[in-house]
Protein backbone atom coordinates (compact mmCIF):
# COMPACT_ATOMS: atom_id res chain seq x y z
CA MET A 1 -29.65 40.15 -25.35
CA VAL A 2 -30.55 40.39 -21.71
CA GLU A 3 -32.38 43.67 -22.57
CA THR A 4 -34.06 41.98 -25.16
CA GLN A 5 -35.26 38.87 -23.23
CA ILE A 6 -36.57 41.37 -20.76
CA THR A 7 -38.64 43.59 -23.06
CA LYS A 8 -39.91 40.25 -24.65
CA GLN A 9 -41.32 39.04 -21.52
CA ASN A 10 -42.95 42.32 -20.72
CA ASN A 11 -44.88 42.52 -23.82
CA MET A 12 -46.01 38.80 -23.95
CA ASN A 13 -49.25 37.57 -23.14
CA TYR A 14 -49.74 33.94 -21.91
CA TYR A 15 -53.06 31.88 -22.80
CA ILE A 16 -54.53 28.42 -23.15
CA ILE A 17 -56.58 28.41 -26.42
CA THR A 18 -58.54 26.08 -28.48
CA LYS A 19 -57.18 24.80 -31.69
CA GLU A 20 -59.64 26.28 -33.30
CA VAL A 21 -58.69 29.74 -32.12
CA PHE A 22 -55.03 29.03 -32.62
CA ASP A 23 -55.63 28.44 -36.42
CA THR A 24 -56.92 32.15 -36.48
CA ILE A 25 -54.57 33.99 -34.73
CA ASN A 26 -51.46 35.83 -36.09
CA LYS A 27 -48.45 33.45 -36.13
CA ALA A 28 -46.02 36.19 -36.52
CA ASN A 29 -46.78 37.29 -32.71
CA ILE A 30 -46.45 33.94 -31.11
CA SER A 31 -43.24 33.47 -29.33
CA PHE A 32 -43.85 29.95 -27.80
CA ARG A 33 -46.21 27.31 -28.63
CA LEU A 34 -47.07 24.12 -27.45
CA PHE A 35 -50.02 21.59 -27.75
CA ASN A 36 -51.55 19.38 -25.36
CA LEU A 37 -51.17 15.93 -26.11
CA ALA A 38 -54.65 15.70 -27.19
CA GLY A 39 -54.07 18.40 -29.61
CA THR A 40 -57.07 20.16 -28.66
CA ASN A 41 -55.77 22.89 -26.68
CA VAL A 42 -52.56 25.12 -27.38
CA LEU A 43 -50.36 26.94 -24.95
CA VAL A 44 -49.22 30.15 -26.44
CA SER A 45 -47.21 33.31 -25.46
CA THR A 46 -47.85 35.94 -27.93
CA THR A 47 -47.71 39.83 -28.20
CA ASP A 48 -51.57 39.63 -28.94
CA THR A 49 -54.37 40.18 -26.92
CA ILE A 50 -56.71 36.98 -27.16
CA GLY A 51 -60.42 37.34 -25.89
CA SER A 52 -61.53 33.86 -26.16
CA SER A 53 -58.89 32.23 -24.35
CA ILE A 54 -59.59 28.90 -22.13
CA GLN A 55 -56.82 30.36 -19.31
CA GLN A 56 -54.54 33.57 -19.19
CA PHE A 57 -51.57 33.76 -16.92
CA ALA A 58 -49.99 36.61 -15.72
CA ASP A 59 -46.31 35.55 -16.83
CA SER A 60 -44.08 32.83 -17.82
CA ALA A 61 -43.42 31.25 -14.17
CA ALA A 62 -47.39 31.04 -13.49
CA THR A 63 -47.67 29.32 -17.10
CA ALA A 64 -44.93 26.73 -16.24
CA THR A 65 -46.14 26.23 -12.80
CA TYR A 66 -49.68 25.65 -14.14
CA ILE A 67 -48.44 23.18 -17.25
CA ASN A 68 -46.14 21.28 -14.69
CA GLY A 69 -49.27 20.73 -12.27
CA VAL A 70 -51.55 19.30 -14.94
CA LYS A 71 -48.54 17.61 -16.78
CA ALA A 72 -50.13 14.41 -17.75
CA ASP A 73 -52.24 16.47 -20.18
CA TRP A 74 -49.33 18.63 -21.74
CA VAL A 75 -45.95 17.15 -21.57
CA ASN A 76 -46.72 12.99 -20.82
CA GLY A 77 -44.56 13.11 -17.48
CA GLY A 78 -41.98 15.71 -18.65
CA THR A 79 -41.89 19.34 -17.67
CA VAL A 80 -42.10 22.64 -19.17
CA GLU A 81 -39.45 25.36 -17.52
CA GLN A 82 -40.08 29.21 -17.48
CA TRP A 83 -36.88 29.35 -19.56
CA GLU A 84 -38.03 27.38 -22.19
CA ILE A 85 -41.22 29.57 -22.38
CA ASP A 86 -38.93 32.59 -22.23
CA THR A 87 -36.41 31.87 -24.92
CA ILE A 88 -37.51 28.96 -27.05
CA GLU A 89 -38.62 30.56 -30.46
CA TYR A 90 -41.72 29.56 -32.06
CA ILE A 91 -41.21 28.81 -36.04
CA PRO A 92 -44.48 29.49 -37.56
CA GLU A 93 -43.41 27.11 -40.91
CA ILE A 94 -43.63 24.27 -38.60
CA ASP A 95 -47.52 24.03 -38.58
CA ASN A 96 -48.05 24.42 -42.13
């Protein structure tokens, strides 16, 4: 399991994208997804390369640090931990 987790992290790209871009990408390649509170932007970890992102992060730690720094826009005072980005699996059917 640890080996699989390391491989997953090494192959991931971390982005904030618009909802419109999110609607066009391959959901099967997303491993984590979080909408901002307004529902206009989406944080994703994906194996895809997305050229039209708002922001890109080097890894899940940098992603969590950024989101927690602007948490009023994303998690309403809560936090997003690195382990959540690394281990919580996105289920595409929840967005259908």
